[in-house]
Protein backbone atom coordinates (compact mmCIF):
# COMPACT_ATOMS: atom_id res chain seq x y z
CA MET A 1 -25.53 13.75 0.71
CA SER A 2 -25.95 13.85 -3.05
CA VAL A 3 -24.06 11.24 -5.05
CA ASP A 4 -23.51 10.86 -8.77
CA ALA A 5 -23.60 7.06 -8.94
CA ILE A 6 -21.76 6.99 -12.28
CA ASP A 7 -18.84 9.11 -11.08
CA ARG A 8 -16.10 7.18 -9.27
CA GLU A 9 -14.93 10.19 -7.22
CA SER A 10 -18.48 10.88 -6.06
CA VAL A 11 -18.89 7.25 -4.96
CA LYS A 12 -15.52 7.43 -3.17
CA SER A 13 -16.71 10.57 -1.37
CA LEU A 14 -19.83 8.71 -0.24
CA LEU A 15 -17.67 5.91 1.18
CA ALA A 16 -15.44 8.44 2.96
CA ALA A 17 -18.50 10.17 4.46
CA THR A 18 -19.93 6.79 5.53
CA ILE A 19 -16.66 5.81 7.23
CA HIS A 20 -16.46 9.21 8.92
CA ALA A 21 -20.04 8.94 10.23
CA ARG A 22 -20.21 5.21 11.01
CA GLY A 23 -16.66 3.89 11.17
CA LYS A 24 -17.19 1.46 8.28
CA ALA A 25 -19.67 0.46 5.60
CA ASP A 26 -21.63 -2.68 6.46
CA ILE A 27 -23.90 -3.00 3.43
CA LEU A 28 -24.20 -1.75 -0.12
CA VAL A 29 -27.54 -1.40 -1.89
CA ASN A 30 -27.19 -0.65 -5.58
CA CYS A 31 -30.52 0.87 -6.52
CA ALA A 32 -29.81 3.52 -9.17
CA GLY A 33 -31.76 2.89 -12.36
CA VAL A 34 -33.30 4.75 -15.26
CA ASN A 35 -35.09 3.98 -18.49
CA SER A 36 -35.82 5.95 -21.62
CA SER A 37 -39.30 7.27 -22.30
CA VAL A 38 -38.55 7.12 -26.03
CA PRO A 39 -39.67 4.02 -27.98
CA TYR A 40 -36.76 1.58 -28.36
CA PHE A 41 -36.23 2.06 -32.09
CA GLU A 42 -36.02 5.83 -31.58
CA ILE A 43 -33.68 6.02 -28.55
CA PRO A 44 -30.79 8.39 -29.28
CA ASP A 45 -27.31 7.03 -28.50
CA ASP A 46 -26.84 9.59 -25.70
CA ASP A 47 -30.01 8.39 -23.96
CA PHE A 48 -28.95 4.75 -24.34
CA ASP A 49 -25.53 5.56 -22.90
CA LYS A 50 -27.23 7.20 -19.90
CA VAL A 51 -29.34 4.07 -19.33
CA LEU A 52 -26.29 1.79 -19.48
CA ASP A 53 -24.16 4.07 -17.30
CA THR A 54 -26.83 4.42 -14.65
CA ASN A 55 -28.04 0.82 -14.64
CA LEU A 56 -24.70 -0.97 -15.07
CA LYS A 57 -21.77 1.33 -14.39
CA SER A 58 -23.22 2.55 -11.10
CA THR A 59 -23.43 -1.04 -9.81
CA HIS A 60 -19.88 -1.72 -11.00
CA LEU A 61 -18.51 1.39 -9.27
CA GLY A 62 -20.41 0.68 -6.06
CA CYS A 63 -19.11 -2.88 -5.96
CA GLN A 64 -15.53 -1.77 -6.60
CA VAL A 65 -15.40 1.22 -4.28
CA PHE A 66 -17.44 -0.14 -1.37
CA GLY A 67 -16.54 -3.78 -2.00
CA ALA A 68 -12.81 -3.28 -1.45
CA HIS A 69 -13.52 -1.58 1.89
CA MET A 70 -16.10 -4.15 3.00
CA ALA A 71 -13.97 -7.13 1.99
CA GLU A 72 -11.46 -5.97 4.59
CA HIS A 73 -14.24 -6.38 7.18
CA GLY A 74 -15.37 -9.88 6.15
CA ALA A 75 -18.36 -9.66 3.81
CA VAL A 76 -19.60 -7.74 0.83
CA PRO A 77 -23.40 -7.86 0.69
CA SER A 78 -25.11 -6.07 -2.17
CA SER A 79 -28.71 -5.91 -3.27
CA THR A 80 -29.10 -5.92 -7.04
CA SER A 81 -31.63 -7.08 -9.57
CA GLY A 82 -30.41 -10.65 -9.10
CA ALA A 83 -28.69 -10.60 -12.48
CA CYS A 84 -25.26 -10.39 -10.87
CA ARG A 85 -23.87 -13.79 -9.92
CA PRO A 86 -20.60 -14.51 -8.15
CA THR A 87 -17.72 -15.33 -10.47
CA SER A 88 -13.99 -15.49 -10.03
CA HIS A 89 -13.88 -11.85 -11.15
CA CYS A 90 -16.72 -10.38 -9.05
CA ARG A 91 -17.48 -12.08 -5.77
CA GLY A 92 -18.51 -8.81 -4.12
CA CYS A 93 -21.59 -8.12 -6.20
CA SER A 94 -23.91 -10.70 -4.67
CA SER A 95 -24.97 -11.83 -1.25
CA THR A 96 -22.33 -14.56 -1.37
CA PRO A 97 -19.49 -13.74 1.03
CA PRO A 98 -16.12 -13.23 -0.61
CA PRO A 99 -13.49 -15.94 -0.35
CA ARG A 100 -11.42 -15.81 2.82
CA ARG A 101 -8.03 -14.22 2.51
CA ARG A 102 -5.05 -16.34 3.33
CA SER A 103 -2.76 -15.00 6.03
């Protein structure tokens, strides 16, 4: 299946296909990444936007879309560059399990 990692609906479709094929998503690996071949001082804004969207937005969307589903099943593991650390706003973007929900 082809996925546009910076398009929320495409990521949602991937989750739906995963659930259909496997019953649930057990792990998320955020591995989309690009760079510009243009020297830094010459990078056009459109190219820079593509780098940010692919390298940052794709991880954000993956964590949100898959994370909500996986949190319902107990843990939200994700493999990233290591730059993402658990905070009160984003516990699903690291290997740290999310806080337990109160009944």
